[in-house]
N, C-alpha and C. Protein backbone atom coordinates (compact mmCIF):
# COMPACT_ATOMS: atom_id res chain seq x y z
N UNK A 1 10.10 69.86 2.44
CA UNK A 1 8.99 69.10 2.22
C UNK A 1 9.20 67.72 1.60
N UNK A 2 10.12 67.84 0.64
CA UNK A 2 10.55 66.61 0.00
C UNK A 2 11.22 65.58 0.90
N UNK A 3 12.04 66.18 1.88
CA UNK A 3 12.66 65.33 2.82
C UNK A 3 11.75 64.63 3.77
N UNK A 4 10.75 65.36 4.17
CA UNK A 4 9.73 64.81 5.05
C UNK A 4 8.99 63.69 4.28
N UNK A 5 8.63 63.79 3.04
CA UNK A 5 8.00 62.85 2.26
C UNK A 5 8.87 61.45 2.09
N UNK A 6 10.23 61.79 2.01
CA UNK A 6 11.13 60.58 1.82
C UNK A 6 11.22 59.86 3.16
N UNK A 7 11.12 60.60 4.36
CA UNK A 7 11.23 60.05 5.57
C UNK A 7 9.82 59.09 5.98
N UNK A 8 8.72 59.68 5.41
CA UNK A 8 7.43 59.02 5.63
C UNK A 8 7.37 57.70 4.80
N UNK A 9 8.03 57.84 3.53
CA UNK A 9 8.07 56.73 2.60
C UNK A 9 8.94 55.57 3.20
N UNK A 10 10.03 56.04 3.75
CA UNK A 10 10.95 55.04 4.41
C UNK A 10 10.30 54.28 5.57
N UNK A 11 9.49 55.07 6.34
CA UNK A 11 8.80 54.48 7.46
C UNK A 11 7.89 53.49 6.99
N UNK A 12 7.10 53.84 5.94
CA UNK A 12 6.03 52.96 5.40
C UNK A 12 6.69 51.61 4.92
N UNK A 13 7.84 51.79 4.19
CA UNK A 13 8.49 50.59 3.64
C UNK A 13 9.00 49.65 4.82
N UNK A 14 9.56 50.26 5.82
CA UNK A 14 10.07 49.61 6.95
C UNK A 14 8.94 48.78 7.66
N UNK A 15 7.77 49.50 7.74
CA UNK A 15 6.65 48.75 8.43
C UNK A 15 6.10 47.69 7.69
N UNK A 16 6.06 47.85 6.32
CA UNK A 16 5.61 46.80 5.55
C UNK A 16 6.56 45.53 5.55
N UNK A 17 7.84 45.87 5.49
CA UNK A 17 8.86 44.73 5.53
C UNK A 17 8.80 43.99 6.86
N UNK A 18 8.60 44.76 7.90
CA UNK A 18 8.57 44.08 9.22
C UNK A 18 7.27 43.22 9.36
N UNK A 19 6.26 43.72 8.75
CA UNK A 19 4.93 42.90 8.70
C UNK A 19 5.07 41.55 7.95
N UNK A 20 5.87 41.71 6.83
CA UNK A 20 6.08 40.52 5.98
C UNK A 20 6.97 39.46 6.79
N UNK A 21 7.94 40.06 7.49
CA UNK A 21 8.81 39.10 8.26
C UNK A 21 8.09 38.47 9.41
N UNK A 22 7.12 39.13 10.05
CA UNK A 22 6.26 38.60 11.04
C UNK A 22 5.31 37.62 10.47
N UNK A 23 4.80 37.89 9.39
CA UNK A 23 3.95 36.85 8.69
C UNK A 23 4.64 35.62 8.32
N UNK A 24 5.87 35.76 7.89
CA UNK A 24 6.70 34.63 7.52
C UNK A 24 6.96 33.75 8.76
N UNK A 25 7.27 34.51 9.89
CA UNK A 25 7.58 33.71 11.10
C UNK A 25 6.34 33.03 11.63
N UNK A 26 5.17 33.64 11.53
CA UNK A 26 3.97 33.08 11.98
C UNK A 26 3.63 31.74 11.27
N UNK A 27 4.10 31.73 9.98
CA UNK A 27 3.97 30.44 9.21
C UNK A 27 4.73 29.32 9.94
N UNK A 28 5.94 29.59 10.47
CA UNK A 28 6.69 28.60 11.23
C UNK A 28 6.12 28.31 12.51
N UNK A 29 5.67 29.33 13.27
CA UNK A 29 5.21 29.25 14.60
C UNK A 29 3.61 29.28 14.65
N UNK A 30 3.08 28.42 13.97
CA UNK A 30 1.55 28.48 13.94
C UNK A 30 0.93 27.92 15.19
N UNK A 31 -0.16 28.54 15.70
CA UNK A 31 -0.83 28.06 16.98
C UNK A 31 -1.37 26.71 16.70
N UNK A 32 -1.16 25.81 17.52
CA UNK A 32 -1.75 24.45 17.39
C UNK A 32 -1.85 23.83 18.76
N UNK A 33 -2.66 22.73 18.70
CA UNK A 33 -2.94 21.96 19.96
C UNK A 33 -2.02 20.69 19.96
N UNK A 34 -1.52 20.49 21.12
CA UNK A 34 -0.78 19.23 21.29
C UNK A 34 -1.73 18.09 21.53
N UNK A 35 -1.42 16.73 21.22
CA UNK A 35 -2.43 15.71 21.49
C UNK A 35 -3.01 15.77 22.84
N UNK A 36 -4.25 15.55 23.03
CA UNK A 36 -5.04 15.43 24.18
C UNK A 36 -4.97 16.73 25.09
N UNK A 37 -4.56 17.86 24.48
CA UNK A 37 -4.47 19.18 25.34
C UNK A 37 -5.96 19.69 25.32
N UNK A 38 -6.21 20.60 26.32
CA UNK A 38 -7.44 21.13 26.58
C UNK A 38 -7.75 22.12 25.42
N UNK A 39 -9.16 22.27 25.15
CA UNK A 39 -9.61 23.27 24.25
C UNK A 39 -11.00 23.58 24.69
N UNK A 40 -11.32 24.91 24.66
CA UNK A 40 -12.66 25.37 24.92
C UNK A 40 -13.55 25.42 23.70
N UNK A 41 -12.97 24.97 22.51
CA UNK A 41 -13.80 24.96 21.29
C UNK A 41 -14.86 23.86 21.31
N UNK A 42 -14.54 22.82 22.08
CA UNK A 42 -15.42 21.61 22.05
C UNK A 42 -16.10 21.35 23.44
N UNK A 43 -17.19 20.80 23.39
CA UNK A 43 -17.96 20.52 24.61
C UNK A 43 -17.29 19.64 25.62
N UNK A 44 -16.50 18.69 25.14
CA UNK A 44 -15.85 17.84 26.05
C UNK A 44 -14.42 18.35 26.53
N UNK A 45 -14.09 19.57 26.06
CA UNK A 45 -12.94 20.21 26.57
C UNK A 45 -11.61 19.69 25.99
N UNK A 46 -11.68 18.66 25.09
CA UNK A 46 -10.52 17.99 24.65
C UNK A 46 -10.25 18.41 23.13
N UNK A 47 -9.09 18.68 22.87
CA UNK A 47 -8.69 19.23 21.49
C UNK A 47 -8.69 18.04 20.57
N UNK A 48 -8.33 16.74 21.04
CA UNK A 48 -8.23 15.66 20.15
C UNK A 48 -9.61 15.14 19.87
N UNK A 49 -10.10 15.03 18.64
CA UNK A 49 -11.35 14.56 18.39
C UNK A 49 -11.40 13.07 17.96
N UNK A 50 -12.62 12.42 18.29
CA UNK A 50 -12.72 11.05 18.04
C UNK A 50 -12.70 10.83 16.51
N UNK A 51 -12.32 9.65 16.06
CA UNK A 51 -12.21 9.37 14.65
C UNK A 51 -13.65 9.15 14.11
N UNK A 52 -13.86 9.50 12.84
CA UNK A 52 -15.14 9.27 12.21
C UNK A 52 -15.50 7.84 12.12
N UNK A 53 -16.72 7.43 12.28
CA UNK A 53 -17.11 6.05 12.39
C UNK A 53 -16.75 5.39 11.05
N UNK A 54 -16.14 4.20 11.21
CA UNK A 54 -15.77 3.42 10.14
C UNK A 54 -14.31 3.76 9.58
N UNK A 55 -13.66 4.68 10.17
CA UNK A 55 -12.29 5.01 9.67
C UNK A 55 -11.29 4.04 10.22
N UNK A 56 -10.16 3.81 9.41
CA UNK A 56 -9.23 2.81 9.91
C UNK A 56 -7.76 3.53 9.73
N UNK A 57 -6.98 3.56 10.86
CA UNK A 57 -5.64 4.12 10.76
C UNK A 57 -4.80 3.30 9.76
N UNK A 58 -4.01 3.97 8.88
CA UNK A 58 -3.34 3.20 7.89
C UNK A 58 -2.01 3.98 7.66
N UNK A 59 -0.88 3.16 7.48
CA UNK A 59 0.36 3.67 7.14
C UNK A 59 1.06 2.78 6.20
N UNK A 60 1.61 3.26 5.13
CA UNK A 60 2.35 2.41 4.17
C UNK A 60 3.40 3.15 3.50
N UNK A 61 4.60 2.55 3.25
CA UNK A 61 5.68 3.23 2.60
C UNK A 61 6.97 2.98 3.41
N UNK A 62 7.96 3.38 2.90
CA UNK A 62 9.38 3.15 3.54
C UNK A 62 9.52 3.64 4.95
N UNK A 63 8.73 4.56 5.45
CA UNK A 63 8.82 5.13 6.69
C UNK A 63 7.77 4.60 7.70
N UNK A 64 6.96 3.64 7.21
CA UNK A 64 5.82 3.23 8.06
C UNK A 64 6.40 2.49 9.29
N UNK A 65 7.45 1.76 9.17
CA UNK A 65 7.96 1.02 10.31
C UNK A 65 8.42 1.92 11.47
N UNK A 66 8.81 3.20 11.04
CA UNK A 66 9.37 4.16 12.16
C UNK A 66 8.33 5.23 12.47
N UNK A 67 7.18 5.18 11.74
CA UNK A 67 6.13 6.19 12.11
C UNK A 67 5.24 5.65 13.12
N UNK A 68 4.23 6.40 13.44
CA UNK A 68 3.21 6.08 14.43
C UNK A 68 2.08 5.31 13.82
N UNK A 69 2.22 4.89 12.56
CA UNK A 69 1.15 4.14 11.87
C UNK A 69 1.02 2.73 12.59
N UNK A 70 -0.25 2.46 12.80
CA UNK A 70 -0.58 1.16 13.47
C UNK A 70 -0.87 0.15 12.42
N UNK A 71 -1.03 0.45 11.15
CA UNK A 71 -1.18 -0.56 10.11
C UNK A 71 -0.42 -0.17 8.95
N UNK A 72 -0.05 -1.24 8.06
CA UNK A 72 0.85 -0.86 6.90
C UNK A 72 2.23 -1.49 6.97
N UNK A 73 2.68 -1.67 8.25
CA UNK A 73 4.06 -2.17 8.38
C UNK A 73 4.08 -3.60 7.79
N UNK A 74 3.10 -4.39 7.96
CA UNK A 74 3.08 -5.73 7.35
C UNK A 74 3.25 -5.68 5.81
N UNK A 75 2.58 -4.83 5.24
CA UNK A 75 2.70 -4.60 3.83
C UNK A 75 4.17 -4.30 3.37
N UNK A 76 4.79 -3.33 4.13
CA UNK A 76 6.14 -3.01 3.82
C UNK A 76 7.08 -4.24 3.94
N UNK A 77 6.89 -4.99 5.04
CA UNK A 77 7.70 -6.19 5.20
C UNK A 77 7.50 -7.17 4.09
N UNK A 78 6.28 -7.39 3.66
CA UNK A 78 5.94 -8.23 2.47
C UNK A 78 6.58 -7.82 1.26
N UNK A 79 6.46 -6.54 0.97
CA UNK A 79 7.10 -6.01 -0.29
C UNK A 79 8.66 -6.24 -0.20
N UNK A 80 9.26 -6.02 0.93
CA UNK A 80 10.72 -6.22 1.03
C UNK A 80 11.04 -7.67 0.85
N UNK A 81 10.34 -8.63 1.41
CA UNK A 81 10.55 -10.00 1.14
C UNK A 81 10.30 -10.38 -0.26
N UNK A 82 9.30 -9.79 -0.88
CA UNK A 82 9.01 -10.23 -2.24
C UNK A 82 10.14 -9.64 -3.19
N UNK A 83 10.61 -8.41 -2.94
CA UNK A 83 11.65 -7.90 -3.63
C UNK A 83 12.98 -8.55 -3.61
N UNK A 84 13.25 -9.28 -2.63
CA UNK A 84 14.60 -9.90 -2.49
C UNK A 84 14.57 -11.38 -2.71
N UNK A 85 13.38 -11.95 -2.94
CA UNK A 85 13.21 -13.39 -3.26
C UNK A 85 13.92 -13.71 -4.54
N UNK A 86 14.61 -14.93 -4.65
CA UNK A 86 15.15 -15.29 -5.87
C UNK A 86 14.31 -16.22 -6.77
N UNK A 87 13.32 -16.71 -6.08
CA UNK A 87 12.31 -17.63 -6.75
C UNK A 87 10.96 -17.19 -6.24
N UNK A 88 9.91 -17.60 -6.90
CA UNK A 88 8.62 -17.15 -6.64
C UNK A 88 8.26 -17.55 -5.12
N UNK A 89 8.08 -16.65 -4.25
CA UNK A 89 7.84 -16.94 -2.73
C UNK A 89 6.34 -17.29 -2.56
N UNK A 90 5.53 -17.26 -3.60
CA UNK A 90 4.11 -17.56 -3.39
C UNK A 90 3.66 -18.84 -3.91
N UNK A 91 2.84 -19.60 -3.27
CA UNK A 91 2.35 -20.91 -3.82
C UNK A 91 1.54 -20.63 -5.10
N UNK A 92 1.80 -21.51 -6.15
CA UNK A 92 1.13 -21.23 -7.37
C UNK A 92 -0.32 -21.78 -7.36
N UNK A 93 -1.28 -20.96 -6.98
CA UNK A 93 -2.67 -21.26 -6.88
C UNK A 93 -3.41 -20.59 -7.99
N UNK A 94 -4.69 -21.16 -8.27
CA UNK A 94 -5.50 -20.41 -9.21
C UNK A 94 -5.75 -19.00 -9.04
N UNK A 95 -5.74 -18.62 -7.70
CA UNK A 95 -5.95 -17.21 -7.41
C UNK A 95 -4.71 -16.39 -7.80
N UNK A 96 -3.54 -16.92 -7.54
CA UNK A 96 -2.30 -16.28 -8.01
C UNK A 96 -2.28 -16.15 -9.54
N UNK A 97 -2.70 -17.08 -10.31
CA UNK A 97 -2.56 -17.23 -11.67
C UNK A 97 -3.61 -16.21 -12.29
N UNK A 98 -4.75 -16.09 -11.69
CA UNK A 98 -5.75 -15.21 -12.22
C UNK A 98 -5.30 -13.72 -11.95
N UNK A 99 -4.64 -13.53 -10.75
CA UNK A 99 -4.17 -12.13 -10.48
C UNK A 99 -3.05 -11.93 -11.62
N UNK A 100 -2.16 -12.83 -11.70
CA UNK A 100 -1.12 -12.60 -12.73
C UNK A 100 -1.57 -12.40 -14.10
N UNK A 101 -2.61 -13.13 -14.44
CA UNK A 101 -3.15 -12.93 -15.81
C UNK A 101 -3.81 -11.53 -15.93
N UNK A 102 -4.48 -11.04 -14.87
CA UNK A 102 -5.03 -9.69 -14.95
C UNK A 102 -3.95 -8.67 -15.14
N UNK A 103 -2.83 -8.74 -14.39
CA UNK A 103 -1.83 -7.79 -14.44
C UNK A 103 -1.04 -7.94 -15.77
N UNK A 104 -0.83 -9.15 -16.24
CA UNK A 104 -0.17 -9.44 -17.52
C UNK A 104 -1.02 -8.74 -18.68
N UNK A 105 -2.23 -8.90 -18.63
CA UNK A 105 -3.08 -8.32 -19.75
C UNK A 105 -3.11 -6.76 -19.70
N UNK A 106 -2.86 -6.27 -18.52
CA UNK A 106 -2.79 -4.80 -18.47
C UNK A 106 -1.45 -4.21 -18.90
N UNK A 107 -0.40 -4.82 -18.47
CA UNK A 107 0.95 -4.18 -18.58
C UNK A 107 1.82 -4.92 -19.63
N UNK A 108 1.59 -6.17 -19.88
CA UNK A 108 2.53 -6.98 -20.72
C UNK A 108 1.94 -7.32 -22.12
N UNK A 109 0.67 -7.66 -22.17
CA UNK A 109 0.10 -8.22 -23.35
C UNK A 109 0.17 -7.35 -24.53
N UNK A 110 0.16 -5.92 -24.46
CA UNK A 110 0.17 -5.13 -25.59
C UNK A 110 1.40 -5.35 -26.46
N UNK A 111 2.51 -5.68 -25.83
CA UNK A 111 3.69 -6.00 -26.60
C UNK A 111 3.96 -7.46 -26.70
N UNK A 112 3.78 -8.18 -25.70
CA UNK A 112 4.19 -9.62 -25.59
C UNK A 112 3.13 -10.56 -26.16
N UNK A 113 1.92 -10.03 -26.38
CA UNK A 113 0.77 -10.86 -26.93
C UNK A 113 0.04 -11.68 -25.85
N UNK A 114 -1.12 -12.15 -26.19
CA UNK A 114 -1.90 -12.94 -25.25
C UNK A 114 -1.23 -14.33 -24.96
N UNK A 115 -0.44 -14.81 -25.98
CA UNK A 115 0.20 -16.08 -25.77
C UNK A 115 1.64 -16.01 -25.40
N UNK A 116 2.10 -14.78 -25.32
CA UNK A 116 3.58 -14.58 -24.96
C UNK A 116 4.60 -14.84 -26.01
N UNK A 117 4.14 -14.79 -27.34
CA UNK A 117 5.10 -15.02 -28.43
C UNK A 117 5.76 -13.69 -28.90
N UNK A 118 5.52 -12.56 -28.30
CA UNK A 118 6.11 -11.36 -28.66
C UNK A 118 5.50 -10.59 -29.79
N UNK A 119 4.33 -11.04 -30.34
CA UNK A 119 3.65 -10.45 -31.39
C UNK A 119 2.35 -9.64 -30.99
N UNK A 120 2.53 -8.77 -29.99
CA UNK A 120 1.47 -7.96 -29.53
C UNK A 120 1.09 -6.85 -30.46
N UNK A 121 -0.08 -6.28 -30.14
CA UNK A 121 -0.57 -5.19 -31.05
C UNK A 121 0.37 -4.06 -31.24
N UNK A 122 1.00 -3.66 -30.08
CA UNK A 122 1.92 -2.62 -30.16
C UNK A 122 3.17 -2.91 -31.00
N UNK A 123 3.61 -4.20 -30.95
CA UNK A 123 4.86 -4.55 -31.75
C UNK A 123 4.37 -4.59 -33.17
N UNK A 124 3.17 -5.03 -33.50
CA UNK A 124 2.69 -5.07 -34.88
C UNK A 124 2.60 -3.68 -35.49
N UNK A 125 2.51 -2.62 -34.71
CA UNK A 125 2.43 -1.24 -35.23
C UNK A 125 3.72 -0.61 -35.20
N UNK A 126 4.85 -1.25 -35.07
CA UNK A 126 6.15 -0.72 -35.35
C UNK A 126 7.13 -0.73 -34.03
N UNK A 127 6.58 -1.04 -32.83
CA UNK A 127 7.50 -1.06 -31.71
C UNK A 127 8.32 -2.34 -31.79
N UNK A 128 9.53 -2.37 -31.40
CA UNK A 128 10.35 -3.57 -31.48
C UNK A 128 9.74 -4.82 -30.84
N UNK A 129 9.69 -5.91 -31.52
CA UNK A 129 9.18 -7.16 -31.03
C UNK A 129 9.99 -7.68 -29.88
N UNK A 130 9.40 -7.92 -28.72
CA UNK A 130 10.15 -8.58 -27.55
C UNK A 130 10.39 -10.00 -27.96
N UNK A 131 11.25 -10.70 -27.22
CA UNK A 131 11.62 -12.06 -27.50
C UNK A 131 10.41 -12.91 -27.11
N UNK A 132 10.14 -14.14 -27.65
CA UNK A 132 9.09 -14.97 -27.31
C UNK A 132 9.45 -15.68 -26.00
N UNK A 133 8.48 -15.73 -25.07
CA UNK A 133 8.70 -16.56 -23.86
C UNK A 133 8.83 -18.01 -24.12
N UNK A 134 8.64 -18.42 -25.30
CA UNK A 134 8.71 -19.89 -25.67
C UNK A 134 10.04 -20.25 -26.31
N UNK A 135 10.99 -19.23 -26.35
CA UNK A 135 12.33 -19.57 -26.80
C UNK A 135 12.97 -20.38 -25.69
N UNK A 136 13.88 -21.37 -26.03
CA UNK A 136 14.51 -22.14 -25.02
C UNK A 136 15.24 -21.28 -23.92
N UNK A 137 15.83 -20.25 -24.43
CA UNK A 137 16.61 -19.40 -23.42
C UNK A 137 15.70 -18.87 -22.39
N UNK A 138 14.53 -18.39 -22.70
CA UNK A 138 13.60 -17.88 -21.63
C UNK A 138 12.89 -18.94 -20.93
N UNK A 139 12.69 -20.12 -21.56
CA UNK A 139 12.01 -21.23 -20.86
C UNK A 139 12.94 -21.66 -19.69
N UNK A 140 14.19 -21.56 -19.89
CA UNK A 140 15.26 -22.04 -18.95
C UNK A 140 15.64 -20.94 -17.98
N UNK A 141 15.28 -19.72 -18.26
CA UNK A 141 15.62 -18.62 -17.45
C UNK A 141 15.07 -18.78 -16.05
N UNK A 142 15.74 -18.33 -15.00
CA UNK A 142 15.24 -18.31 -13.64
C UNK A 142 14.06 -17.42 -13.45
N UNK A 143 13.24 -17.67 -12.43
CA UNK A 143 12.14 -16.81 -12.14
C UNK A 143 12.55 -15.33 -11.88
N UNK A 144 13.65 -15.22 -11.20
CA UNK A 144 14.22 -13.87 -10.86
C UNK A 144 14.54 -13.09 -12.17
N UNK A 145 14.82 -13.66 -13.29
CA UNK A 145 15.04 -12.93 -14.46
C UNK A 145 13.83 -12.19 -14.89
N UNK A 146 12.65 -12.82 -14.89
CA UNK A 146 11.46 -12.15 -15.26
C UNK A 146 11.07 -11.08 -14.27
N UNK A 147 11.33 -11.33 -12.99
CA UNK A 147 10.93 -10.40 -11.99
C UNK A 147 11.88 -9.11 -12.25
N UNK A 148 13.14 -9.34 -12.45
CA UNK A 148 14.03 -8.20 -12.56
C UNK A 148 13.72 -7.42 -13.85
N UNK A 149 13.31 -8.03 -14.90
CA UNK A 149 12.95 -7.38 -16.17
C UNK A 149 11.71 -6.49 -15.94
N UNK A 150 10.71 -7.08 -15.30
CA UNK A 150 9.51 -6.24 -14.91
C UNK A 150 9.82 -5.03 -14.05
N UNK A 151 10.76 -5.24 -13.10
CA UNK A 151 11.14 -4.22 -12.15
C UNK A 151 11.92 -3.09 -12.85
N UNK A 152 12.97 -3.56 -13.61
CA UNK A 152 13.97 -2.54 -14.05
C UNK A 152 13.80 -2.26 -15.61
N UNK A 153 12.97 -3.00 -16.24
CA UNK A 153 12.92 -2.80 -17.71
C UNK A 153 14.07 -3.49 -18.42
N UNK A 154 13.97 -3.53 -19.76
CA UNK A 154 15.10 -4.27 -20.46
C UNK A 154 15.10 -3.66 -21.88
N UNK A 155 16.17 -3.24 -22.34
CA UNK A 155 16.17 -2.66 -23.75
C UNK A 155 15.21 -1.36 -23.83
N UNK A 156 14.29 -1.49 -24.72
CA UNK A 156 13.39 -0.47 -24.89
C UNK A 156 12.10 -0.52 -23.90
N UNK A 157 12.08 -1.64 -23.19
CA UNK A 157 10.94 -1.84 -22.33
C UNK A 157 10.99 -0.97 -21.10
N UNK A 158 9.97 -0.33 -20.66
CA UNK A 158 9.91 0.61 -19.59
C UNK A 158 9.87 -0.17 -18.28
N UNK A 159 10.65 0.29 -17.24
CA UNK A 159 10.56 -0.37 -15.86
C UNK A 159 9.18 -0.07 -15.22
N UNK A 160 8.74 -1.13 -14.58
CA UNK A 160 7.34 -1.03 -14.04
C UNK A 160 7.36 -1.22 -12.51
N UNK A 161 8.46 -0.97 -11.77
CA UNK A 161 8.53 -1.05 -10.43
C UNK A 161 7.55 -0.07 -9.78
N UNK A 162 7.44 1.11 -10.36
CA UNK A 162 6.50 2.12 -9.67
C UNK A 162 5.06 1.93 -10.06
N UNK A 163 4.75 0.85 -10.94
CA UNK A 163 3.36 0.67 -11.34
C UNK A 163 2.83 -0.67 -10.85
N UNK A 164 3.77 -1.62 -10.65
CA UNK A 164 3.24 -2.95 -10.35
C UNK A 164 4.01 -3.26 -8.99
N UNK A 165 3.27 -3.61 -7.91
CA UNK A 165 3.86 -4.01 -6.66
C UNK A 165 4.61 -5.31 -6.82
N UNK A 166 5.59 -5.53 -5.88
CA UNK A 166 6.46 -6.81 -6.00
C UNK A 166 5.62 -7.93 -6.01
N UNK A 167 4.61 -8.16 -5.17
CA UNK A 167 3.78 -9.37 -5.15
C UNK A 167 3.10 -9.60 -6.48
N UNK A 168 2.65 -8.49 -7.07
CA UNK A 168 1.95 -8.66 -8.36
C UNK A 168 3.04 -8.98 -9.55
N UNK A 169 4.29 -8.62 -9.38
CA UNK A 169 5.31 -8.95 -10.30
C UNK A 169 5.50 -10.51 -10.27
N UNK A 170 5.53 -10.93 -9.01
CA UNK A 170 5.63 -12.54 -8.91
C UNK A 170 4.45 -13.09 -9.54
N UNK A 171 3.25 -12.56 -9.40
CA UNK A 171 2.06 -13.10 -10.03
C UNK A 171 2.18 -13.17 -11.52
N UNK A 172 2.73 -12.08 -12.08
CA UNK A 172 2.98 -12.10 -13.51
C UNK A 172 3.97 -13.22 -13.91
N UNK A 173 5.03 -13.29 -13.10
CA UNK A 173 5.97 -14.39 -13.40
C UNK A 173 5.28 -15.81 -13.45
N UNK A 174 4.45 -16.01 -12.45
CA UNK A 174 3.68 -17.27 -12.33
C UNK A 174 2.84 -17.52 -13.65
N UNK A 175 2.29 -16.49 -14.08
CA UNK A 175 1.44 -16.45 -15.25
C UNK A 175 2.20 -16.79 -16.52
N UNK A 176 3.41 -16.14 -16.58
CA UNK A 176 4.41 -16.43 -17.72
C UNK A 176 4.78 -17.79 -17.77
N UNK A 177 5.09 -18.46 -16.54
CA UNK A 177 5.35 -19.81 -16.56
C UNK A 177 4.17 -20.68 -17.06
N UNK A 178 2.92 -20.27 -16.75
CA UNK A 178 1.85 -21.04 -17.21
C UNK A 178 1.74 -20.87 -18.72
N UNK A 179 2.05 -19.75 -19.23
CA UNK A 179 2.01 -19.52 -20.78
C UNK A 179 3.05 -20.43 -21.36
N UNK A 180 4.25 -20.51 -20.80
CA UNK A 180 5.30 -21.42 -21.34
C UNK A 180 4.81 -22.92 -21.27
N UNK A 181 4.21 -23.25 -20.18
CA UNK A 181 3.74 -24.65 -19.99
C UNK A 181 2.69 -25.01 -20.93
N UNK A 182 1.90 -24.01 -21.33
CA UNK A 182 0.80 -24.26 -22.29
C UNK A 182 1.28 -24.72 -23.71
N UNK A 183 2.51 -24.25 -23.97
CA UNK A 183 3.09 -24.61 -25.29
C UNK A 183 4.12 -25.73 -25.29
N UNK A 184 4.55 -25.99 -23.95
CA UNK A 184 5.53 -27.11 -23.87
C UNK A 184 5.34 -28.03 -22.75
N UNK A 185 4.06 -28.47 -22.63
CA UNK A 185 3.71 -29.36 -21.52
C UNK A 185 4.18 -30.81 -21.83
N UNK A 186 4.59 -31.45 -20.83
CA UNK A 186 4.90 -32.81 -20.87
C UNK A 186 3.67 -33.74 -20.89
N UNK A 187 3.40 -34.33 -22.00
CA UNK A 187 2.15 -35.04 -22.21
C UNK A 187 1.95 -36.13 -21.09
N UNK A 188 3.05 -36.81 -20.76
CA UNK A 188 3.04 -37.87 -19.86
C UNK A 188 2.62 -37.49 -18.42
N UNK A 189 2.68 -36.11 -18.13
CA UNK A 189 2.31 -35.58 -16.90
C UNK A 189 0.88 -35.03 -16.75
N UNK A 190 0.23 -35.13 -17.89
CA UNK A 190 -1.25 -34.59 -17.94
C UNK A 190 -2.15 -35.46 -17.19
N UNK A 191 -3.20 -34.95 -16.58
CA UNK A 191 -4.22 -35.76 -15.92
C UNK A 191 -4.85 -36.75 -16.88
N UNK A 192 -5.33 -37.83 -16.34
CA UNK A 192 -5.81 -38.95 -17.29
C UNK A 192 -7.02 -38.42 -18.11
N UNK A 193 -7.86 -37.63 -17.57
CA UNK A 193 -9.07 -37.13 -18.43
C UNK A 193 -8.64 -36.28 -19.52
N UNK A 194 -7.66 -35.35 -19.25
CA UNK A 194 -7.10 -34.51 -20.31
C UNK A 194 -6.33 -35.32 -21.42
N UNK A 195 -5.62 -36.29 -21.00
CA UNK A 195 -4.89 -37.19 -21.96
C UNK A 195 -5.84 -37.93 -22.84
N UNK A 196 -7.00 -38.47 -22.19
CA UNK A 196 -7.94 -39.04 -23.03
C UNK A 196 -8.56 -38.27 -24.02
N UNK A 197 -8.84 -36.91 -23.53
CA UNK A 197 -9.52 -35.91 -24.49
C UNK A 197 -8.44 -35.72 -25.73
N UNK A 198 -7.12 -35.55 -25.39
CA UNK A 198 -6.26 -35.41 -26.46
C UNK A 198 -6.16 -36.54 -27.43
N UNK A 199 -6.13 -37.79 -26.85
CA UNK A 199 -6.13 -38.93 -27.74
C UNK A 199 -7.36 -38.97 -28.58
N UNK A 200 -8.45 -38.66 -28.07
CA UNK A 200 -9.75 -38.65 -28.94
C UNK A 200 -9.67 -37.54 -29.99
N UNK A 201 -9.10 -36.45 -29.64
CA UNK A 201 -9.05 -35.36 -30.61
C UNK A 201 -7.98 -35.72 -31.73
N UNK A 202 -6.97 -36.38 -31.35
CA UNK A 202 -5.97 -36.79 -32.46
C UNK A 202 -6.58 -37.87 -33.37
N UNK A 203 -7.52 -38.60 -32.92
CA UNK A 203 -8.10 -39.65 -33.69
C UNK A 203 -9.37 -39.18 -34.43
N UNK A 204 -9.65 -37.86 -34.21
CA UNK A 204 -10.84 -37.35 -34.82
C UNK A 204 -12.13 -37.61 -34.10
N UNK A 205 -12.11 -38.10 -32.92
CA UNK A 205 -13.35 -38.45 -32.13
C UNK A 205 -13.89 -37.29 -31.29
N UNK A 206 -13.19 -36.17 -31.40
CA UNK A 206 -13.60 -35.05 -30.49
C UNK A 206 -13.68 -33.87 -31.40
N UNK A 207 -14.59 -32.94 -31.02
CA UNK A 207 -14.73 -31.69 -31.79
C UNK A 207 -13.56 -30.68 -31.34
């Protein structure tokens, strides 16, 4: 009797194991429709369904160029070009500066401060003070230096490549240059109306 029970138990275990193996294989060999194949599930007999109204095909990332994505490859090409540029590849417009200011205030200002002197609120609370953008060394540094620091980090500064797109990093660089210029502008190159305003302020004629 005991021998019969052992045989039955062995058969049950074998059946269970074979069922698990079949279920595992079914996960690899799932039933599916190939594109544009026939299907009786839909009235038009086509397994491929029309896209919802207003949807847009989109593809972005390192494999977008080799995928079937119909959009997104331009963004990849743009990011590659921005990432390899040695100087700011974008014209310095007010739109670029506003974008750079926005990104700067989010990611940079807590340590570097609103004016770029390295006295941000985080630094005031014990974090190491970053160097001032107004030091001669950084005023004379190439654009690529700032781009690389934002990309890879520097010292205790965290790298932001995974948080800030390459075009936005260049926008930040443009804004840093604007901060530097705000403290070291050549007076002789100022517009006439601004120059007149400064002269009036220096003589006490302006508020």
